[in-house]
Amino acid sequence: QVQLAESGGGLVQDGGSLRLSCVVSVGTLRSYSIAWFRQSPGKERDFVSGISFSGNTFYGDFMKGRFSISRDSAKNTVYLQMNNLKPDDTAVYYCAACTTDCHEFTAVLTNYGYWGQGTPVTVST
């Protein structure tokens, strides 16, 4: 079974930066599309960014160039660099591995069968 572990969340001021990490425990990153989702209290879990098994990157509309996803295949780790953070970015951030109808890439939450435990990000004013 694939296991994912996020880290790097925390408290940051408006305009600050954080880099989240997602370590995938089984297989290689070339076997899975990996995505980041986020969920704020009382809201649905939304797609943030993803990287396909072939290395192509995808972003949610609200990113507007502030976030960047990358991977280190040697470390089986996917990173999410988040710059110019805003209070609206406050959420728990989850990484997930696609298991259904993945094709090149999908941002559909229900296609992701393996999830990490999440890492909280709080952006203060």
N, C-alpha and C. Protein backbone atom coordinates (compact mmCIF):
# COMPACT_ATOMS: atom_id res chain seq x y z
N GLN A 1 0.84 -1.20 0.00
CA GLN A 1 0.00 0.00 0.00
C GLN A 1 0.87 1.24 0.00
N VAL A 2 0.48 2.22 -0.78
CA VAL A 2 1.22 3.47 -0.85
C VAL A 2 0.93 4.31 0.39
N GLN A 3 1.97 4.86 0.96
CA GLN A 3 1.81 5.77 2.09
C GLN A 3 2.44 7.11 1.72
N LEU A 4 1.77 8.17 2.11
CA LEU A 4 2.26 9.51 1.85
C LEU A 4 2.36 10.26 3.17
N ALA A 5 3.39 11.06 3.30
CA ALA A 5 3.60 11.81 4.54
C ALA A 5 3.97 13.24 4.20
N GLU A 6 3.12 14.18 4.63
CA GLU A 6 3.38 15.59 4.39
C GLU A 6 4.13 16.20 5.56
N SER A 7 4.85 17.25 5.26
CA SER A 7 5.51 18.04 6.30
C SER A 7 5.75 19.44 5.74
N GLY A 8 6.12 20.35 6.63
CA GLY A 8 6.48 21.69 6.20
C GLY A 8 5.45 22.77 6.48
N GLY A 9 4.30 22.38 6.97
CA GLY A 9 3.30 23.38 7.30
C GLY A 9 3.67 24.16 8.54
N GLY A 10 2.92 25.22 8.81
CA GLY A 10 3.19 26.01 10.00
C GLY A 10 2.49 27.35 9.93
N LEU A 11 2.94 28.24 10.79
CA LEU A 11 2.39 29.60 10.87
C LEU A 11 3.33 30.55 10.14
N VAL A 12 2.74 31.36 9.27
CA VAL A 12 3.54 32.33 8.51
C VAL A 12 2.73 33.61 8.37
N GLN A 13 3.42 34.71 8.24
CA GLN A 13 2.74 35.98 8.08
C GLN A 13 2.30 36.21 6.63
N ASP A 14 1.33 37.07 6.48
CA ASP A 14 0.85 37.48 5.15
C ASP A 14 2.05 37.89 4.28
N GLY A 15 2.13 37.31 3.09
CA GLY A 15 3.24 37.60 2.20
C GLY A 15 4.43 36.67 2.34
N GLY A 16 4.39 35.79 3.33
CA GLY A 16 5.49 34.88 3.57
C GLY A 16 5.47 33.66 2.66
N SER A 17 6.43 32.76 2.90
CA SER A 17 6.59 31.56 2.07
C SER A 17 6.72 30.32 2.93
N LEU A 18 6.31 29.20 2.37
CA LEU A 18 6.52 27.89 2.97
C LEU A 18 6.79 26.89 1.85
N ARG A 19 7.51 25.83 2.19
CA ARG A 19 7.68 24.73 1.26
C ARG A 19 7.18 23.45 1.93
N LEU A 20 6.17 22.88 1.33
CA LEU A 20 5.62 21.62 1.81
C LEU A 20 6.31 20.46 1.10
N SER A 21 6.45 19.36 1.84
CA SER A 21 7.04 18.14 1.27
C SER A 21 6.07 16.98 1.41
N CYS A 22 6.11 16.10 0.45
CA CYS A 22 5.28 14.89 0.47
C CYS A 22 6.17 13.72 0.09
N VAL A 23 6.44 12.86 1.06
CA VAL A 23 7.27 11.68 0.82
C VAL A 23 6.36 10.50 0.50
N VAL A 24 6.62 9.84 -0.61
CA VAL A 24 5.84 8.68 -1.04
C VAL A 24 6.63 7.44 -0.69
N SER A 25 6.01 6.51 0.04
CA SER A 25 6.78 5.42 0.63
C SER A 25 6.94 4.19 -0.26
N VAL A 26 6.06 3.97 -1.20
CA VAL A 26 6.10 2.74 -2.00
C VAL A 26 6.11 3.10 -3.47
N GLY A 27 6.89 2.38 -4.25
CA GLY A 27 6.94 2.64 -5.68
C GLY A 27 7.81 3.83 -6.00
N THR A 28 7.66 4.35 -7.20
CA THR A 28 8.41 5.51 -7.61
C THR A 28 7.46 6.59 -8.08
N LEU A 29 7.94 7.84 -8.11
CA LEU A 29 7.09 8.94 -8.54
C LEU A 29 6.70 8.81 -10.00
N ARG A 30 7.45 8.05 -10.76
CA ARG A 30 7.09 7.85 -12.16
C ARG A 30 5.93 6.88 -12.31
N SER A 31 5.50 6.30 -11.17
CA SER A 31 4.35 5.39 -11.22
C SER A 31 3.05 6.09 -10.90
N TYR A 32 3.12 7.28 -10.29
CA TYR A 32 1.91 7.93 -9.81
C TYR A 32 1.87 9.40 -10.19
N SER A 33 0.66 9.87 -10.43
CA SER A 33 0.43 11.30 -10.41
C SER A 33 0.15 11.69 -8.97
N ILE A 34 0.81 12.74 -8.52
CA ILE A 34 0.68 13.22 -7.15
C ILE A 34 0.08 14.62 -7.17
N ALA A 35 -0.87 14.85 -6.31
CA ALA A 35 -1.51 16.16 -6.25
C ALA A 35 -1.57 16.68 -4.83
N TRP A 36 -1.64 17.97 -4.72
CA TRP A 36 -1.89 18.65 -3.45
C TRP A 36 -3.32 19.18 -3.48
N PHE A 37 -4.02 18.95 -2.38
CA PHE A 37 -5.34 19.51 -2.16
C PHE A 37 -5.30 20.27 -0.84
N ARG A 38 -6.26 21.14 -0.64
CA ARG A 38 -6.32 21.84 0.64
C ARG A 38 -7.78 21.95 1.08
N GLN A 39 -7.94 22.04 2.38
CA GLN A 39 -9.28 22.13 2.95
C GLN A 39 -9.29 23.08 4.11
N SER A 40 -10.13 24.11 4.01
CA SER A 40 -10.33 25.06 5.10
C SER A 40 -11.56 24.62 5.88
N PRO A 41 -11.66 25.04 7.15
CA PRO A 41 -12.82 24.65 7.97
C PRO A 41 -14.14 25.01 7.29
N GLY A 42 -15.04 24.06 7.20
CA GLY A 42 -16.34 24.31 6.64
C GLY A 42 -16.40 24.35 5.13
N LYS A 43 -15.28 24.09 4.48
CA LYS A 43 -15.24 24.15 3.02
C LYS A 43 -14.86 22.80 2.43
N GLU A 44 -15.09 22.66 1.12
CA GLU A 44 -14.72 21.44 0.44
C GLU A 44 -13.21 21.37 0.24
N ARG A 45 -12.73 20.17 -0.01
CA ARG A 45 -11.33 19.98 -0.30
C ARG A 45 -11.08 20.34 -1.76
N ASP A 46 -10.18 21.28 -2.00
CA ASP A 46 -9.95 21.81 -3.34
C ASP A 46 -8.59 21.41 -3.88
N PHE A 47 -8.53 21.27 -5.19
CA PHE A 47 -7.27 20.99 -5.87
C PHE A 47 -6.36 22.23 -5.83
N VAL A 48 -5.10 22.00 -5.52
CA VAL A 48 -4.12 23.08 -5.48
C VAL A 48 -3.15 22.96 -6.65
N SER A 49 -2.48 21.82 -6.71
CA SER A 49 -1.46 21.63 -7.73
C SER A 49 -1.15 20.14 -7.85
N GLY A 50 -0.61 19.74 -9.00
CA GLY A 50 -0.26 18.34 -9.17
C GLY A 50 0.85 18.15 -10.18
N ILE A 51 1.45 16.99 -10.12
CA ILE A 51 2.50 16.63 -11.06
C ILE A 51 2.22 15.22 -11.53
N SER A 52 2.20 15.06 -12.86
CA SER A 52 1.85 13.76 -13.41
C SER A 52 3.03 12.79 -13.30
N PHE A 53 2.77 11.52 -13.56
CA PHE A 53 3.83 10.53 -13.50
C PHE A 53 4.93 10.85 -14.51
N SER A 54 4.57 11.58 -15.59
CA SER A 54 5.55 11.94 -16.61
C SER A 54 6.26 13.25 -16.31
N GLY A 55 5.85 13.94 -15.24
CA GLY A 55 6.53 15.15 -14.82
C GLY A 55 5.87 16.45 -15.23
N ASN A 56 4.72 16.39 -15.88
CA ASN A 56 4.03 17.62 -16.22
C ASN A 56 3.33 18.18 -14.99
N THR A 57 3.28 19.51 -14.91
CA THR A 57 2.73 20.17 -13.73
C THR A 57 1.40 20.87 -14.04
N PHE A 58 0.57 20.95 -13.01
CA PHE A 58 -0.78 21.51 -13.15
C PHE A 58 -1.08 22.33 -11.91
N TYR A 59 -1.89 23.38 -12.08
CA TYR A 59 -2.18 24.28 -10.98
C TYR A 59 -3.65 24.67 -10.97
N GLY A 60 -4.17 24.89 -9.75
CA GLY A 60 -5.50 25.43 -9.62
C GLY A 60 -5.53 26.89 -10.06
N ASP A 61 -6.71 27.34 -10.44
CA ASP A 61 -6.85 28.68 -11.00
C ASP A 61 -6.42 29.77 -10.03
N PHE A 62 -6.58 29.52 -8.73
CA PHE A 62 -6.32 30.59 -7.78
C PHE A 62 -4.83 30.75 -7.48
N MET A 63 -3.99 29.89 -8.06
CA MET A 63 -2.56 29.95 -7.74
C MET A 63 -1.92 31.23 -8.25
N LYS A 64 -2.30 31.62 -9.46
CA LYS A 64 -1.83 32.87 -10.07
C LYS A 64 -0.32 33.03 -9.95
N GLY A 65 0.40 31.95 -10.17
CA GLY A 65 1.85 32.02 -10.19
C GLY A 65 2.52 32.03 -8.84
N ARG A 66 1.77 31.92 -7.77
CA ARG A 66 2.38 32.00 -6.44
C ARG A 66 2.95 30.67 -5.98
N PHE A 67 2.40 29.57 -6.47
CA PHE A 67 2.82 28.25 -6.01
C PHE A 67 3.58 27.53 -7.13
N SER A 68 4.47 26.65 -6.73
CA SER A 68 5.25 25.88 -7.69
C SER A 68 5.43 24.46 -7.17
N ILE A 69 5.14 23.48 -8.02
CA ILE A 69 5.29 22.09 -7.62
C ILE A 69 6.50 21.49 -8.32
N SER A 70 7.18 20.61 -7.62
CA SER A 70 8.34 19.94 -8.19
C SER A 70 8.50 18.59 -7.51
N ARG A 71 9.42 17.79 -8.04
CA ARG A 71 9.65 16.49 -7.41
C ARG A 71 11.13 16.15 -7.47
N ASP A 72 11.54 15.34 -6.51
CA ASP A 72 12.88 14.79 -6.47
C ASP A 72 12.70 13.28 -6.49
N SER A 73 12.89 12.70 -7.65
CA SER A 73 12.63 11.26 -7.80
C SER A 73 13.57 10.42 -6.95
N ALA A 74 14.79 10.89 -6.74
CA ALA A 74 15.74 10.12 -5.92
C ALA A 74 15.27 10.02 -4.47
N LYS A 75 14.54 11.03 -4.03
CA LYS A 75 14.03 11.04 -2.65
C LYS A 75 12.55 10.65 -2.58
N ASN A 76 11.95 10.32 -3.73
CA ASN A 76 10.52 10.00 -3.76
C ASN A 76 9.69 11.08 -3.07
N THR A 77 10.02 12.31 -3.34
CA THR A 77 9.39 13.44 -2.65
C THR A 77 8.87 14.46 -3.65
N VAL A 78 7.67 14.95 -3.37
CA VAL A 78 7.07 16.03 -4.14
C VAL A 78 7.01 17.26 -3.24
N TYR A 79 7.37 18.39 -3.81
CA TYR A 79 7.40 19.64 -3.05
C TYR A 79 6.35 20.62 -3.58
N LEU A 80 5.84 21.43 -2.67
CA LEU A 80 4.97 22.53 -3.05
C LEU A 80 5.55 23.79 -2.45
N GLN A 81 6.14 24.62 -3.28
CA GLN A 81 6.67 25.90 -2.84
C GLN A 81 5.56 26.93 -2.92
N MET A 82 5.28 27.56 -1.81
CA MET A 82 4.19 28.53 -1.73
C MET A 82 4.75 29.89 -1.37
N ASN A 83 4.60 30.85 -2.25
CA ASN A 83 5.11 32.20 -2.03
C ASN A 83 3.96 33.19 -1.95
N ASN A 84 4.25 34.35 -1.36
CA ASN A 84 3.26 35.41 -1.24
C ASN A 84 1.95 34.86 -0.67
N LEU A 85 2.06 34.17 0.43
CA LEU A 85 0.89 33.55 1.04
C LEU A 85 -0.06 34.59 1.59
N LYS A 86 -1.35 34.28 1.49
CA LYS A 86 -2.41 35.16 1.95
C LYS A 86 -3.23 34.45 3.03
N PRO A 87 -3.94 35.20 3.85
CA PRO A 87 -4.78 34.55 4.88
C PRO A 87 -5.76 33.55 4.28
N ASP A 88 -6.23 33.78 3.06
CA ASP A 88 -7.15 32.84 2.41
C ASP A 88 -6.50 31.51 2.08
N ASP A 89 -5.17 31.44 2.16
CA ASP A 89 -4.47 30.19 1.91
C ASP A 89 -4.44 29.29 3.15
N THR A 90 -4.93 29.82 4.27
CA THR A 90 -4.98 29.03 5.49
C THR A 90 -5.85 27.80 5.30
N ALA A 91 -5.27 26.63 5.57
CA ALA A 91 -5.97 25.37 5.33
C ALA A 91 -5.08 24.23 5.77
N VAL A 92 -5.65 23.04 5.80
CA VAL A 92 -4.84 21.83 5.91
C VAL A 92 -4.53 21.38 4.48
N TYR A 93 -3.26 21.14 4.22
CA TYR A 93 -2.81 20.75 2.89
C TYR A 93 -2.52 19.25 2.89
N TYR A 94 -3.08 18.58 1.90
CA TYR A 94 -2.94 17.13 1.77
C TYR A 94 -2.27 16.79 0.45
N CYS A 95 -1.41 15.78 0.46
CA CYS A 95 -0.95 15.24 -0.81
C CYS A 95 -1.62 13.88 -1.01
N ALA A 96 -1.79 13.53 -2.27
CA ALA A 96 -2.51 12.32 -2.60
C ALA A 96 -1.96 11.71 -3.88
N ALA A 97 -2.09 10.40 -4.00
CA ALA A 97 -1.65 9.67 -5.19
C ALA A 97 -2.88 9.20 -5.97
N CYS A 98 -2.85 9.41 -7.27
CA CYS A 98 -3.98 9.03 -8.11
C CYS A 98 -4.02 7.52 -8.31
N THR A 99 -5.23 6.95 -8.20
CA THR A 99 -5.38 5.50 -8.37
C THR A 99 -6.43 5.11 -9.39
N THR A 100 -7.28 6.04 -9.82
CA THR A 100 -8.38 5.73 -10.72
C THR A 100 -8.46 6.74 -11.85
N ASP A 101 -8.58 6.23 -13.09
CA ASP A 101 -8.75 7.11 -14.26
C ASP A 101 -7.72 8.23 -14.27
N CYS A 102 -6.50 7.89 -14.05
CA CYS A 102 -5.47 8.91 -13.90
C CYS A 102 -5.07 9.53 -15.23
N HIS A 103 -5.00 8.70 -16.29
CA HIS A 103 -4.57 9.17 -17.62
C HIS A 103 -3.30 9.96 -17.47
N GLU A 104 -3.18 11.13 -18.14
CA GLU A 104 -1.99 11.96 -17.97
C GLU A 104 -2.05 12.65 -16.60
N PHE A 105 -3.23 13.21 -16.29
CA PHE A 105 -3.40 13.84 -14.99
C PHE A 105 -4.89 14.11 -14.77
N THR A 106 -5.29 14.10 -13.53
CA THR A 106 -6.64 14.48 -13.17
C THR A 106 -6.63 15.28 -11.89
N ALA A 107 -7.47 16.28 -11.80
CA ALA A 107 -7.60 17.08 -10.58
C ALA A 107 -8.85 16.68 -9.81
N VAL A 108 -9.48 15.58 -10.22
CA VAL A 108 -10.71 15.13 -9.56
C VAL A 108 -10.35 14.40 -8.27
N LEU A 109 -10.85 14.91 -7.18
CA LEU A 109 -10.48 14.42 -5.85
C LEU A 109 -10.77 12.93 -5.68
N THR A 110 -11.90 12.49 -6.20
CA THR A 110 -12.31 11.10 -5.99
C THR A 110 -11.45 10.11 -6.76
N ASN A 111 -10.61 10.57 -7.65
CA ASN A 111 -9.70 9.68 -8.36
C ASN A 111 -8.43 9.37 -7.56
N TYR A 112 -8.30 9.99 -6.41
CA TYR A 112 -7.11 9.82 -5.58
C TYR A 112 -7.43 8.88 -4.43
N GLY A 113 -6.75 7.75 -4.42
CA GLY A 113 -7.07 6.73 -3.44
C GLY A 113 -6.14 6.67 -2.25
N TYR A 114 -4.99 7.28 -2.36
CA TYR A 114 -4.04 7.30 -1.24
C TYR A 114 -3.81 8.74 -0.80
N TRP A 115 -3.91 8.94 0.51
CA TRP A 115 -3.82 10.28 1.06
C TRP A 115 -2.86 10.30 2.24
N GLY A 116 -2.19 11.45 2.39
CA GLY A 116 -1.43 11.68 3.60
C GLY A 116 -2.34 12.20 4.70
N GLN A 117 -1.74 12.46 5.85
CA GLN A 117 -2.52 12.89 7.02
C GLN A 117 -2.78 14.39 7.01
N GLY A 118 -2.08 15.11 6.16
CA GLY A 118 -2.28 16.55 6.06
C GLY A 118 -1.30 17.33 6.91
N THR A 119 -0.99 18.52 6.47
CA THR A 119 -0.14 19.43 7.25
C THR A 119 -0.81 20.80 7.26
N PRO A 120 -1.00 21.37 8.44
CA PRO A 120 -1.74 22.64 8.52
C PRO A 120 -0.87 23.83 8.17
N VAL A 121 -1.47 24.76 7.46
CA VAL A 121 -0.83 26.03 7.11
C VAL A 121 -1.74 27.15 7.60
N THR A 122 -1.15 28.05 8.38
CA THR A 122 -1.89 29.20 8.89
C THR A 122 -1.16 30.47 8.48
N VAL A 123 -1.88 31.34 7.80
CA VAL A 123 -1.31 32.61 7.36
C VAL A 123 -1.97 33.73 8.15
N SER A 124 -1.19 34.44 8.91
CA SER A 124 -1.71 35.49 9.76
C SER A 124 -1.62 36.84 9.07
N THR A 125 -2.51 37.74 9.48
CA THR A 125 -2.50 39.10 8.91
C THR A 125 -1.48 39.97 9.61
